Amino acid sequence: MTDLITSETVTTPGLYRMTEAAYHADPCPVPSLSRSIAEKLLLESPRHAFTAHPRLTKQDEEDKNSRVRDIGSAAHALLLRQPTEIAVLEYDDFKKKVAQEDRAAAQDRGAIPLLTKDYETAVGMFEMAKRELADNEHAAIRALANPVDDEATFNEVTAAWIDRCGDHWARARMDRVSVTAARITVIDYKTTELSAAPTEVARAIFNNKYHFQDAFYRRGIRHLFPEIDRHEKKLSFLFIVQEQFAPFEITVTEIDAAGRVLGEKMASDAFMLWRKCHAENWWPGYPKGTVRAEMPPYIETNWLAREIEDPYLQNLGYDPMPMFEAQPYKPKEIMSPC
């Protein structure tokens, strides 16, 4: 399956070209499961997922004014060679009313509004990405810097499928899907105000549950390309992480086998829970009752180190009040037992 369907609504499983707004409104025939809704289902509660779903609960209008997000969107458009308009606004900031009006006008026509300095940042990121990715070991990554004609690449593509677990619709919006005779490669491009050093990227991947994103997207691609499970094609998922500050360093990474297994478990649990919630019309919140807060090991380690190293905690003497848990209070016996 390498045909791309151009439509704002989903009628059949496949890869679609549609606007971001159509995707986020859920274009499937019935309410579908997306990665963001699945995360709420797993990490918060079914009630949170129900409340956040655009087809199950009316949503408040999203705040569009984020310079960090707009820089990332512009870098996406440049690197993926998307036709999205980037409106360069010659202001120092958006504090004045005229600047705010120009920003709103650009957003209304679907453009990405950027201050001049932010546009220069996005261009700097793009130029650095082209240089760094040009000789990457992965052909699908190199193609971002050196477009080739012998492969099918789809940018900002929506995958929609009917999942085998419950026959429910699911969807995912992918930055880039590269299809060759031997391999399908999904690429996700992320920009950050934090460090893109390899060790920091590895930490951020698991802290931000990107291993779950990896598994969710792979699941969708496997539904649409059954030759993957027949071992006729290989499937890869690569993250490109780039800093939003000079020198705009960049790291390309993929999740290890252990992370992929855990992501697969999470994706499986999400689809089974989604199936149960729909079958029983059951959307509970957090579990009831008193929950025991288990202390993470690092809390004790940090405090014991503080007791040893903090000069104010040295030579304080003896506390005559015994620890309750270690030596619980026992009333004196009125008379000894016989």
C-alpha atoms as a PDB file:
ATOM      1  CA  MET A   1       0.000   0.000   0.000  1.00  0.00           C
ATOM      2  CA  THR A   2       1.778   3.127  -1.242  1.00  0.00           C
ATOM      3  CA  ASP A   3      -1.164   5.160  -2.537  1.00  0.00           C
ATOM      4  CA  LEU A   4      -1.905   8.349  -0.612  1.00  0.00           C
ATOM      5  CA  ILE A   5      -5.555   9.339  -0.218  1.00  0.00           C
ATOM      6  CA  THR A   6      -6.257  13.070  -0.218  1.00  0.00           C
ATOM      7  CA  SER A   7      -9.315  13.669   1.940  1.00  0.00           C
ATOM      8  CA  GLU A   8     -10.383  15.477   5.102  1.00  0.00           C
ATOM      9  CA  THR A   9     -12.420  12.453   6.190  1.00  0.00           C
ATOM     10  CA  VAL A  10     -11.528   8.778   6.527  1.00  0.00           C
ATOM     11  CA  THR A  11     -13.632   6.224   4.692  1.00  0.00           C
ATOM     12  CA  THR A  12     -11.271   3.261   4.448  1.00  0.00           C
ATOM     13  CA  PRO A  13      -8.024   2.212   6.147  1.00  0.00           C
ATOM     14  CA  GLY A  14      -4.988   3.788   4.546  1.00  0.00           C
ATOM     15  CA  LEU A  15      -2.525   6.666   4.444  1.00  0.00           C
ATOM     16  CA  TYR A  16      -4.167  10.076   4.093  1.00  0.00           C
ATOM     17  CA  ARG A  17      -3.093  13.600   3.264  1.00  0.00           C
ATOM     18  CA  MET A  18      -5.261  15.940   5.321  1.00  0.00           C
ATOM     19  CA  THR A  19      -4.942  19.121   7.334  1.00  0.00           C
ATOM     20  CA  GLU A  20      -3.756  19.020  10.920  1.00  0.00           C
ATOM     21  CA  ALA A  21      -7.097  20.466  12.030  1.00  0.00           C
ATOM     22  CA  ALA A  22      -9.012  17.644  10.346  1.00  0.00           C
ATOM     23  CA  TYR A  23      -6.794  15.057  11.995  1.00  0.00           C
ATOM     24  CA  HIS A  24      -7.166  16.484  15.496  1.00  0.00           C
ATOM     25  CA  ALA A  25     -10.959  16.704  15.075  1.00  0.00           C
ATOM     26  CA  ASP A  26     -10.924  12.912  14.427  1.00  0.00           C
ATOM     27  CA  PRO A  27     -11.836  12.238  10.781  1.00  0.00           C
ATOM     28  CA  CYS A  28     -12.705   8.538  11.234  1.00  0.00           C
ATOM     29  CA  PRO A  29     -16.236   7.149  10.759  1.00  0.00           C
ATOM     30  CA  VAL A  30     -16.578   6.618  14.532  1.00  0.00           C
ATOM     31  CA  PRO A  31     -14.547   7.963  17.476  1.00  0.00           C
ATOM     32  CA  SER A  32     -11.040   6.591  17.040  1.00  0.00           C
ATOM     33  CA  LEU A  33      -8.074   5.981  19.312  1.00  0.00           C
ATOM     34  CA  SER A  34      -5.050   8.227  18.828  1.00  0.00           C
ATOM     35  CA  ARG A  35      -1.731   8.039  20.605  1.00  0.00           C
ATOM     36  CA  SER A  36      -2.475  11.091  22.782  1.00  0.00           C
ATOM     37  CA  ILE A  37      -5.880   9.728  23.835  1.00  0.00           C
ATOM     38  CA  ALA A  38      -4.335   6.302  24.472  1.00  0.00           C
ATOM     39  CA  GLU A  39      -1.761   7.900  26.785  1.00  0.00           C
ATOM     40  CA  LYS A  40      -4.516   9.545  28.814  1.00  0.00           C
ATOM     41  CA  LEU A  41      -6.363   6.238  28.909  1.00  0.00           C
ATOM     42  CA  LEU A  42      -3.307   4.444  30.303  1.00  0.00           C
ATOM     43  CA  LEU A  43      -1.518   7.069  32.393  1.00  0.00           C
ATOM     44  CA  GLU A  44      -4.535   8.969  33.757  1.00  0.00           C
ATOM     45  CA  SER A  45      -7.925   7.262  33.459  1.00  0.00           C
ATOM     46  CA  PRO A  46     -10.647   6.325  30.961  1.00  0.00           C
ATOM     47  CA  ARG A  47     -12.582   9.378  32.146  1.00  0.00           C
ATOM     48  CA  HIS A  48      -9.666  11.637  31.191  1.00  0.00           C
ATOM     49  CA  ALA A  49      -9.544  10.000  27.748  1.00  0.00           C
ATOM     50  CA  PHE A  50     -13.297  10.462  27.287  1.00  0.00           C
ATOM     51  CA  THR A  51     -13.062  14.128  28.325  1.00  0.00           C
ATOM     52  CA  ALA A  52     -10.131  14.856  25.991  1.00  0.00           C
ATOM     53  CA  HIS A  53     -11.563  13.075  22.930  1.00  0.00           C
ATOM     54  CA  PRO A  54     -12.834  15.549  20.297  1.00  0.00           C
ATOM     55  CA  ARG A  55     -15.729  13.296  19.276  1.00  0.00           C
ATOM     56  CA  LEU A  56     -16.817  12.300  22.778  1.00  0.00           C
ATOM     57  CA  THR A  57     -16.590  15.667  24.586  1.00  0.00           C
ATOM     58  CA  LYS A  58     -16.685  19.234  23.248  1.00  0.00           C
ATOM     59  CA  GLN A  59     -13.207  20.738  23.476  1.00  0.00           C
ATOM     60  CA  ASP A  60     -12.157  24.231  24.523  1.00  0.00           C
ATOM     61  CA  GLU A  61     -10.288  26.260  21.912  1.00  0.00           C
ATOM     62  CA  GLU A  62      -6.545  25.651  22.056  1.00  0.00           C
ATOM     63  CA  ASP A  63      -4.173  28.533  22.787  1.00  0.00           C
ATOM     64  CA  LYS A  64      -2.348  29.202  19.507  1.00  0.00           C
ATOM     65  CA  ASN A  65       0.227  31.620  20.863  1.00  0.00           C
ATOM     66  CA  SER A  66       3.465  29.751  21.506  1.00  0.00           C
ATOM     67  CA  ARG A  67       6.730  30.972  19.998  1.00  0.00           C
ATOM     68  CA  VAL A  68       8.513  27.728  20.876  1.00  0.00           C
ATOM     69  CA  ARG A  69       5.865  25.661  19.113  1.00  0.00           C
ATOM     70  CA  ASP A  70       5.869  27.964  16.075  1.00  0.00           C
ATOM     71  CA  ILE A  71       9.661  27.731  15.715  1.00  0.00           C
ATOM     72  CA  GLY A  72       9.363  23.949  15.809  1.00  0.00           C
ATOM     73  CA  SER A  73       6.529  23.995  13.260  1.00  0.00           C
ATOM     74  CA  ALA A  74       8.557  26.197  10.911  1.00  0.00           C
ATOM     75  CA  ALA A  75      11.593  23.923  11.227  1.00  0.00           C
ATOM     76  CA  HIS A  76       9.296  20.973  10.427  1.00  0.00           C
ATOM     77  CA  ALA A  77       7.962  22.726   7.332  1.00  0.00           C
ATOM     78  CA  LEU A  78      11.463  23.572   6.083  1.00  0.00           C
ATOM     79  CA  LEU A  79      13.031  20.174   6.737  1.00  0.00           C
ATOM     80  CA  LEU A  80      10.075  18.222   5.319  1.00  0.00           C
ATOM     81  CA  ARG A  81       9.757  20.663   2.391  1.00  0.00           C
ATOM     82  CA  GLN A  82       6.117  21.347   3.154  1.00  0.00           C
ATOM     83  CA  PRO A  83       4.272  24.154   1.288  1.00  0.00           C
ATOM     84  CA  THR A  84       3.144  25.741   4.574  1.00  0.00           C
ATOM     85  CA  GLU A  85       3.480  29.527   4.531  1.00  0.00           C
ATOM     86  CA  ILE A  86       5.896  30.989   7.071  1.00  0.00           C
ATOM     87  CA  ALA A  87       4.865  34.582   7.773  1.00  0.00           C
ATOM     88  CA  VAL A  88       7.887  36.601   8.919  1.00  0.00           C
ATOM     89  CA  LEU A  89       6.699  39.511  11.072  1.00  0.00           C
ATOM     90  CA  GLU A  90       9.199  42.326  11.557  1.00  0.00           C
ATOM     91  CA  TYR A  91       8.615  42.987  15.241  1.00  0.00           C
ATOM     92  CA  ASP A  92      10.818  42.559  18.291  1.00  0.00           C
ATOM     93  CA  ASP A  93       8.029  40.793  20.192  1.00  0.00           C
ATOM     94  CA  PHE A  94       4.264  40.319  20.229  1.00  0.00           C
ATOM     95  CA  LYS A  95       3.514  42.775  23.023  1.00  0.00           C
ATOM     96  CA  LYS A  96       2.041  45.509  20.819  1.00  0.00           C
ATOM     97  CA  LYS A  97      -1.503  45.265  19.519  1.00  0.00           C
ATOM     98  CA  VAL A  98      -0.488  45.581  15.853  1.00  0.00           C
ATOM     99  CA  ALA A  99       1.920  42.657  16.207  1.00  0.00           C
ATOM    100  CA  GLN A 100      -0.778  40.558  17.851  1.00  0.00           C
ATOM    101  CA  GLU A 101      -3.212  41.411  15.056  1.00  0.00           C
ATOM    102  CA  ASP A 102      -0.720  40.443  12.346  1.00  0.00           C
ATOM    103  CA  ARG A 103      -0.006  37.201  14.179  1.00  0.00           C
ATOM    104  CA  ALA A 104      -3.715  36.362  14.391  1.00  0.00           C
ATOM    105  CA  ALA A 105      -4.217  37.183  10.702  1.00  0.00           C
ATOM    106  CA  ALA A 106      -1.393  34.809   9.739  1.00  0.00           C
ATOM    107  CA  GLN A 107      -2.837  32.052  11.897  1.00  0.00           C
ATOM    108  CA  ASP A 108      -6.295  32.548  10.380  1.00  0.00           C
ATOM    109  CA  ARG A 109      -4.954  31.890   6.874  1.00  0.00           C
ATOM    110  CA  GLY A 110      -3.037  28.797   8.033  1.00  0.00           C
ATOM    111  CA  ALA A 111       0.421  30.348   8.102  1.00  0.00           C
ATOM    112  CA  ILE A 112       3.092  30.014  10.796  1.00  0.00           C
ATOM    113  CA  PRO A 113       3.753  33.502  12.239  1.00  0.00           C
ATOM    114  CA  LEU A 114       7.363  34.116  13.278  1.00  0.00           C
ATOM    115  CA  LEU A 115       9.271  37.113  14.526  1.00  0.00           C
ATOM    116  CA  THR A 116      12.311  37.859  12.367  1.00  0.00           C
ATOM    117  CA  LYS A 117      14.680  36.486  15.003  1.00  0.00           C
ATOM    118  CA  ASP A 118      12.599  33.316  15.328  1.00  0.00           C
ATOM    119  CA  TYR A 119      12.610  32.823  11.560  1.00  0.00           C
ATOM    120  CA  GLU A 120      16.398  33.101  11.597  1.00  0.00           C
ATOM    121  CA  THR A 121      16.442  30.406  14.293  1.00  0.00           C
ATOM    122  CA  ALA A 122      14.266  28.097  12.195  1.00  0.00           C
ATOM    123  CA  VAL A 123      16.440  28.621   9.126  1.00  0.00           C
ATOM    124  CA  GLY A 124      19.573  27.987  11.195  1.00  0.00           C
ATOM    125  CA  MET A 125      18.071  24.733  12.432  1.00  0.00           C
ATOM    126  CA  PHE A 126      17.188  23.708   8.877  1.00  0.00           C
ATOM    127  CA  GLU A 127      20.665  24.445   7.527  1.00  0.00           C
ATOM    128  CA  MET A 128      22.307  22.531  10.371  1.00  0.00           C
ATOM    129  CA  ALA A 129      19.940  19.585   9.896  1.00  0.00           C
ATOM    130  CA  LYS A 130      20.757  19.377   6.184  1.00  0.00           C
ATOM    131  CA  ARG A 131      24.485  19.293   6.911  1.00  0.00           C
ATOM    132  CA  GLU A 132      24.268  16.786   9.744  1.00  0.00           C
ATOM    133  CA  LEU A 133      21.801  14.406   8.108  1.00  0.00           C
ATOM    134  CA  ALA A 134      23.439  14.326   4.670  1.00  0.00           C
ATOM    135  CA  ASP A 135      25.756  11.439   5.546  1.00  0.00           C
ATOM    136  CA  ASN A 136      23.622   9.581   8.092  1.00  0.00           C
ATOM    137  CA  GLU A 137      23.809   5.776   8.036  1.00  0.00           C
ATOM    138  CA  HIS A 138      20.069   5.504   7.315  1.00  0.00           C
ATOM    139  CA  ALA A 139      19.035   6.163   3.711  1.00  0.00           C
ATOM    140  CA  ALA A 140      15.638   7.520   4.836  1.00  0.00           C
ATOM    141  CA  ILE A 141      17.394  10.099   7.027  1.00  0.00           C
ATOM    142  CA  ARG A 142      19.866  11.056   4.266  1.00  0.00           C
ATOM    143  CA  ALA A 143      16.927  11.628   1.939  1.00  0.00           C
ATOM    144  CA  LEU A 144      15.813  14.568   4.092  1.00  0.00           C
ATOM    145  CA  ALA A 145      18.979  16.401   3.062  1.00  0.00           C
ATOM    146  CA  ASN A 146      19.364  14.779  -0.375  1.00  0.00           C
ATOM    147  CA  PRO A 147      15.952  14.147  -1.983  1.00  0.00           C
ATOM    148  CA  VAL A 148      15.895  11.020  -4.104  1.00  0.00           C
ATOM    149  CA  ASP A 149      13.472   9.888  -6.765  1.00  0.00           C
ATOM    150  CA  ASP A 150      13.563   6.126  -6.245  1.00  0.00           C
ATOM    151  CA  GLU A 151      11.540   5.968  -3.039  1.00  0.00           C
ATOM    152  CA  ALA A 152       8.057   6.948  -1.926  1.00  0.00           C
ATOM    153  CA  THR A 153       8.057   9.440   0.923  1.00  0.00           C
ATOM    154  CA  PHE A 154       4.990  10.867   2.597  1.00  0.00           C
ATOM    155  CA  ASN A 155       5.252  13.916   4.861  1.00  0.00           C
ATOM    156  CA  GLU A 156       2.718  14.930   7.523  1.00  0.00           C
ATOM    157  CA  VAL A 157       0.711  11.820   6.722  1.00  0.00           C
ATOM    158  CA  THR A 158      -2.247  10.397   8.636  1.00  0.00           C
ATOM    159  CA  ALA A 159      -2.459   6.643   9.073  1.00  0.00           C
ATOM    160  CA  ALA A 160      -5.956   5.308   9.786  1.00  0.00           C
ATOM    161  CA  TRP A 161      -6.716   1.661  10.458  1.00  0.00           C
ATOM    162  CA  ILE A 162      -9.263  -0.695  11.993  1.00  0.00           C
ATOM    163  CA  ASP A 163      -7.387  -2.390  14.799  1.00  0.00           C
ATOM    164  CA  ARG A 164      -7.682  -6.135  15.244  1.00  0.00           C
ATOM    165  CA  CYS A 165      -8.320  -5.606  18.956  1.00  0.00           C
ATOM    166  CA  GLY A 166     -12.062  -4.946  19.010  1.00  0.00           C
ATOM    167  CA  ASP A 167     -12.245  -3.758  15.382  1.00  0.00           C
ATOM    168  CA  HIS A 168     -12.080  -0.152  16.553  1.00  0.00           C
ATOM    169  CA  TRP A 169     -10.725   2.662  14.389  1.00  0.00           C
ATOM    170  CA  ALA A 170      -7.341   4.157  15.310  1.00  0.00           C
ATOM    171  CA  ARG A 171      -5.265   6.930  13.815  1.00  0.00           C
ATOM    172  CA  ALA A 172      -1.787   8.452  13.955  1.00  0.00           C
ATOM    173  CA  ARG A 173      -0.247  11.523  12.329  1.00  0.00           C
ATOM    174  CA  MET A 174       3.331  10.851  11.283  1.00  0.00           C
ATOM    175  CA  ASP A 175       5.970  13.390  10.311  1.00  0.00           C
ATOM    176  CA  ARG A 176       7.394  11.217   7.537  1.00  0.00           C
ATOM    177  CA  VAL A 177       6.928   7.717   6.167  1.00  0.00           C
ATOM    178  CA  SER A 178       9.496   6.362   3.715  1.00  0.00           C
ATOM    179  CA  VAL A 179       8.612   3.273   1.681  1.00  0.00           C
ATOM    180  CA  THR A 180      11.199   1.283  -0.285  1.00  0.00           C
ATOM    181  CA  ALA A 181      11.199  -2.229  -1.655  1.00  0.00           C
ATOM    182  CA  ALA A 182      12.916  -3.599   1.442  1.00  0.00           C
ATOM    183  CA  ARG A 183      11.956  -1.293   4.312  1.00  0.00           C
ATOM    184  CA  ILE A 184       9.378   1.126   5.681  1.00  0.00           C
ATOM    185  CA  THR A 185      10.831   3.870   7.879  1.00  0.00           C
ATOM    186  CA  VAL A 186       8.799   6.150  10.127  1.00  0.00           C
ATOM    187  CA  ILE A 187      10.597   9.380  11.080  1.00  0.00           C
ATOM    188  CA  ASP A 188       9.565  11.689  13.917  1.00  0.00           C
ATOM    189  CA  TYR A 189      11.249  15.105  14.101  1.00  0.00           C
ATOM    190  CA  LYS A 190      11.241  16.797  17.498  1.00  0.00           C
ATOM    191  CA  THR A 191      12.693  20.183  18.426  1.00  0.00           C
ATOM    192  CA  THR A 192      13.558  21.199  21.964  1.00  0.00           C
ATOM    193  CA  GLU A 193      14.702  24.104  24.114  1.00  0.00           C
ATOM    194  CA  LEU A 194      16.654  21.540  26.137  1.00  0.00           C
ATOM    195  CA  SER A 195      19.781  19.593  25.267  1.00  0.00           C
ATOM    196  CA  ALA A 196      19.794  17.128  22.381  1.00  0.00           C
ATOM    197  CA  ALA A 197      22.913  15.374  23.682  1.00  0.00           C
ATOM    198  CA  PRO A 198      22.515  11.596  23.208  1.00  0.00           C
ATOM    199  CA  THR A 199      22.306  10.867  26.946  1.00  0.00           C
ATOM    200  CA  GLU A 200      19.695  13.599  27.461  1.00  0.00           C
ATOM    201  CA  VAL A 201      17.705  12.412  24.453  1.00  0.00           C
ATOM    202  CA  ALA A 202      17.623   8.852  25.811  1.00  0.00           C
ATOM    203  CA  ARG A 203      16.317  10.139  29.147  1.00  0.00           C
ATOM    204  CA  ALA A 204      13.720  12.367  27.464  1.00  0.00           C
ATOM    205  CA  ILE A 205      12.467   9.533  25.248  1.00  0.00           C
ATOM    206  CA  PHE A 206      11.415   7.407  28.189  1.00  0.00           C
ATOM    207  CA  ASN A 207      10.325  10.303  30.426  1.00  0.00           C
ATOM    208  CA  ASN A 208       8.023  11.536  27.644  1.00  0.00           C
ATOM    209  CA  LYS A 209       6.761   8.040  26.784  1.00  0.00           C
ATOM    210  CA  TYR A 210       8.105   8.161  23.220  1.00  0.00           C
ATOM    211  CA  HIS A 211       8.633   4.390  23.421  1.00  0.00           C
ATOM    212  CA  PHE A 212       4.831   4.200  23.534  1.00  0.00           C
ATOM    213  CA  GLN A 213       4.593   6.481  20.494  1.00  0.00           C
ATOM    214  CA  ASP A 214       7.043   4.177  18.707  1.00  0.00           C
ATOM    215  CA  ALA A 215       4.871   1.131  19.439  1.00  0.00           C
ATOM    216  CA  PHE A 216       1.570   2.865  18.610  1.00  0.00           C
ATOM    217  CA  TYR A 217       2.834   4.079  15.212  1.00  0.00           C
ATOM    218  CA  ARG A 218       4.416   0.708  14.399  1.00  0.00           C
ATOM    219  CA  ARG A 219       1.107  -0.982  15.186  1.00  0.00           C
ATOM    220  CA  GLY A 220      -0.708   1.212  12.685  1.00  0.00           C
ATOM    221  CA  ILE A 221       1.887   0.723   9.943  1.00  0.00           C
ATOM    222  CA  ARG A 222       1.785  -3.063  10.456  1.00  0.00           C
ATOM    223  CA  HIS A 223      -1.981  -3.020   9.922  1.00  0.00           C
ATOM    224  CA  LEU A 224      -1.621  -1.073   6.668  1.00  0.00           C
ATOM    225  CA  PHE A 225       1.406  -2.999   5.403  1.00  0.00           C
ATOM    226  CA  PRO A 226       0.801  -6.700   6.212  1.00  0.00           C
ATOM    227  CA  GLU A 227       3.967  -7.629   4.312  1.00  0.00           C
ATOM    228  CA  ILE A 228       5.881  -6.455   7.396  1.00  0.00           C
ATOM    229  CA  ASP A 229       4.475  -9.305   9.490  1.00  0.00           C
ATOM    230  CA  ARG A 230       5.147 -11.664   6.609  1.00  0.00           C
ATOM    231  CA  HIS A 231       8.808 -10.566   6.856  1.00  0.00           C
ATOM    232  CA  GLU A 232       8.768  -9.258   3.306  1.00  0.00           C
ATOM    233  CA  LYS A 233       9.593  -5.731   4.484  1.00  0.00           C
ATOM    234  CA  LYS A 234      11.431  -4.421   7.514  1.00  0.00           C
ATOM    235  CA  LEU A 235      10.097  -1.636   9.700  1.00  0.00           C
ATOM    236  CA  SER A 236      12.146   1.088  11.386  1.00  0.00           C
ATOM    237  CA  PHE A 237      11.214   4.053  13.586  1.00  0.00           C
ATOM    238  CA  LEU A 238      13.760   6.856  13.947  1.00  0.00           C
ATOM    239  CA  PHE A 239      13.639  10.005  16.063  1.00  0.00           C
ATOM    240  CA  ILE A 240      15.432  13.196  15.027  1.00  0.00           C
ATOM    241  CA  VAL A 241      15.876  15.541  17.992  1.00  0.00           C
ATOM    242  CA  GLN A 242      17.251  19.063  17.424  1.00  0.00           C
ATOM    243  CA  GLU A 243      18.015  21.978  19.735  1.00  0.00           C
ATOM    244  CA  GLN A 244      16.264  25.308  19.185  1.00  0.00           C
ATOM    245  CA  PHE A 245      19.392  27.280  20.064  1.00  0.00           C
ATOM    246  CA  ALA A 246      22.786  27.713  18.394  1.00  0.00           C
ATOM    247  CA  PRO A 247      24.614  25.681  17.251  1.00  0.00           C
ATOM    248  CA  PHE A 248      21.331  23.747  16.689  1.00  0.00           C
ATOM    249  CA  GLU A 249      22.899  20.352  17.425  1.00  0.00           C
ATOM    250  CA  ILE A 250      20.984  17.268  16.397  1.00  0.00           C
ATOM    251  CA  THR A 251      20.771  13.610  17.437  1.00  0.00           C
ATOM    252  CA  VAL A 252      19.231  10.733  15.501  1.00  0.00           C
ATOM    253  CA  THR A 253      18.148   7.855  17.718  1.00  0.00           C
ATOM    254  CA  GLU A 254      16.040   4.716  17.818  1.00  0.00           C
ATOM    255  CA  ILE A 255      14.636   2.857  20.802  1.00  0.00           C
ATOM    256  CA  ASP A 256      16.355  -0.303  21.993  1.00  0.00           C
ATOM    257  CA  ALA A 257      14.742  -3.748  22.099  1.00  0.00           C
ATOM    258  CA  ALA A 258      13.754  -3.509  25.784  1.00  0.00           C
ATOM    259  CA  GLY A 259      12.086  -0.149  25.239  1.00  0.00           C
ATOM    260  CA  ARG A 260      10.225  -1.463  22.229  1.00  0.00           C
ATOM    261  CA  VAL A 261       8.918  -4.460  24.167  1.00  0.00           C
ATOM    262  CA  LEU A 262       7.643  -2.203  26.946  1.00  0.00           C
ATOM    263  CA  GLY A 263       6.074   0.127  24.373  1.00  0.00           C
ATOM    264  CA  GLU A 264       4.330  -2.843  22.743  1.00  0.00           C
ATOM    265  CA  LYS A 265       2.929  -3.910  26.123  1.00  0.00           C
ATOM    266  CA  MET A 266       1.604  -0.392  26.719  1.00  0.00           C
ATOM    267  CA  ALA A 267       0.017  -0.226  23.254  1.00  0.00           C
ATOM    268  CA  SER A 268      -1.608  -3.622  23.737  1.00  0.00           C
ATOM    269  CA  ASP A 269      -3.013  -2.570  27.120  1.00  0.00           C
ATOM    270  CA  ALA A 270      -4.329   0.672  25.619  1.00  0.00           C
ATOM    271  CA  PHE A 271      -6.263  -1.074  22.853  1.00  0.00           C
ATOM    272  CA  MET A 272      -7.672  -3.711  25.212  1.00  0.00           C
ATOM    273  CA  LEU A 273      -8.790  -1.034  27.685  1.00  0.00           C
ATOM    274  CA  TRP A 274     -10.304   1.057  24.858  1.00  0.00           C
ATOM    275  CA  ARG A 275     -12.216  -2.049  23.732  1.00  0.00           C
ATOM    276  CA  LYS A 276     -13.537  -2.648  27.271  1.00  0.00           C
ATOM    277  CA  CYS A 277     -14.554   0.988  27.767  1.00  0.00           C
ATOM    278  CA  HIS A 278     -16.596   0.980  24.545  1.00  0.00           C
ATOM    279  CA  ALA A 279     -18.109  -2.458  25.057  1.00  0.00           C
ATOM    280  CA  GLU A 280     -19.358  -1.583  28.553  1.00  0.00           C
ATOM    281  CA  ASN A 281     -19.772   2.190  28.114  1.00  0.00           C
ATOM    282  CA  TRP A 282     -17.473   2.338  31.128  1.00  0.00           C
ATOM    283  CA  TRP A 283     -15.382   5.479  31.644  1.00  0.00           C
ATOM    284  CA  PRO A 284     -14.207   5.493  35.272  1.00  0.00           C
ATOM    285  CA  GLY A 285     -11.864   8.026  36.859  1.00  0.00           C
ATOM    286  CA  TYR A 286      -9.055   7.229  39.269  1.00  0.00           C
ATOM    287  CA  PRO A 287      -9.449   4.105  41.451  1.00  0.00           C
ATOM    288  CA  LYS A 288     -11.367   4.724  44.660  1.00  0.00           C
ATOM    289  CA  GLY A 289     -10.060   4.140  48.158  1.00  0.00           C
ATOM    290  CA  THR A 290      -6.903   5.161  49.939  1.00  0.00           C
ATOM    291  CA  VAL A 291      -3.728   4.639  47.959  1.00  0.00           C
ATOM    292  CA  ARG A 292      -0.419   3.970  49.693  1.00  0.00           C
ATOM    293  CA  ALA A 293       2.267   6.389  48.486  1.00  0.00           C
ATOM    294  CA  GLU A 294       5.379   4.276  48.028  1.00  0.00           C
ATOM    295  CA  MET A 295       8.622   6.143  48.607  1.00  0.00           C
ATOM    296  CA  PRO A 296      11.037   5.978  45.643  1.00  0.00           C
ATOM    297  CA  PRO A 297      14.502   4.700  46.687  1.00  0.00           C
ATOM    298  CA  TYR A 298      16.212   7.931  45.645  1.00  0.00           C
ATOM    299  CA  ILE A 299      14.318   9.908  48.303  1.00  0.00           C
ATOM    300  CA  GLU A 300      15.994   7.968  51.116  1.00  0.00           C
ATOM    301  CA  THR A 301      19.371   8.012  49.348  1.00  0.00           C
ATOM    302  CA  ASN A 302      19.242  11.803  48.923  1.00  0.00           C
ATOM    303  CA  TRP A 303      18.284  12.431  52.542  1.00  0.00           C
ATOM    304  CA  LEU A 304      20.918  10.099  54.008  1.00  0.00           C
ATOM    305  CA  ALA A 305      23.534  11.881  51.891  1.00  0.00           C
ATOM    306  CA  ARG A 306      22.231  15.211  53.189  1.00  0.00           C
ATOM    307  CA  GLU A 307      22.548  14.028  56.809  1.00  0.00           C
ATOM    308  CA  ILE A 308      26.164  13.103  56.138  1.00  0.00           C
ATOM    309  CA  GLU A 309      27.173  16.190  54.145  1.00  0.00           C
ATOM    310  CA  ASP A 310      25.147  19.098  55.583  1.00  0.00           C
ATOM    311  CA  PRO A 311      27.276  20.862  58.258  1.00  0.00           C
ATOM    312  CA  TYR A 312      24.136  22.122  60.029  1.00  0.00           C
ATOM    313  CA  LEU A 313      23.071  18.544  60.690  1.00  0.00           C
ATOM    314  CA  GLN A 314      26.335  17.533  62.367  1.00  0.00           C
ATOM    315  CA  ASN A 315      26.901  17.160  66.136  1.00  0.00           C
ATOM    316  CA  LEU A 316      23.272  17.775  67.072  1.00  0.00           C
ATOM    317  CA  GLY A 317      23.291  15.286  69.882  1.00  0.00           C
ATOM    318  CA  TYR A 318      20.575  12.774  70.764  1.00  0.00           C
ATOM    319  CA  ASP A 319      16.822  13.049  70.162  1.00  0.00           C
ATOM    320  CA  PRO A 320      15.030  11.603  73.225  1.00  0.00           C
ATOM    321  CA  MET A 321      11.787  11.175  71.268  1.00  0.00           C
ATOM    322  CA  PRO A 322      11.827   7.612  69.871  1.00  0.00           C
ATOM    323  CA  MET A 323      10.731   6.937  66.311  1.00  0.00           C
ATOM    324  CA  PHE A 324       7.090   5.882  66.424  1.00  0.00           C
ATOM    325  CA  GLU A 325       7.323   3.165  63.770  1.00  0.00           C
ATOM    326  CA  ALA A 326      10.530   1.689  65.177  1.00  0.00           C
ATOM    327  CA  GLN A 327       9.406   1.799  68.842  1.00  0.00           C
ATOM    328  CA  PRO A 328       5.620   2.242  69.044  1.00  0.00           C
ATOM    329  CA  TYR A 329       4.233   3.788  72.224  1.00  0.00           C
ATOM    330  CA  LYS A 330       3.131   1.227  74.802  1.00  0.00           C
ATOM    331  CA  PRO A 331       1.211   2.318  77.944  1.00  0.00           C
ATOM    332  CA  LYS A 332       2.596   1.216  81.262  1.00  0.00           C
ATOM    333  CA  GLU A 333       0.873  -1.830  82.668  1.00  0.00           C
ATOM    334  CA  ILE A 334      -1.216  -1.130  85.764  1.00  0.00           C
ATOM    335  CA  MET A 335      -0.304  -4.477  87.188  1.00  0.00           C
ATOM    336  CA  SER A 336       1.867  -7.312  86.005  1.00  0.00           C
ATOM    337  CA  PRO A 337       0.146 -10.370  84.645  1.00  0.00           C
ATOM    338  CA  CYS A 338       0.061 -13.368  86.989  1.00  0.00           C
END
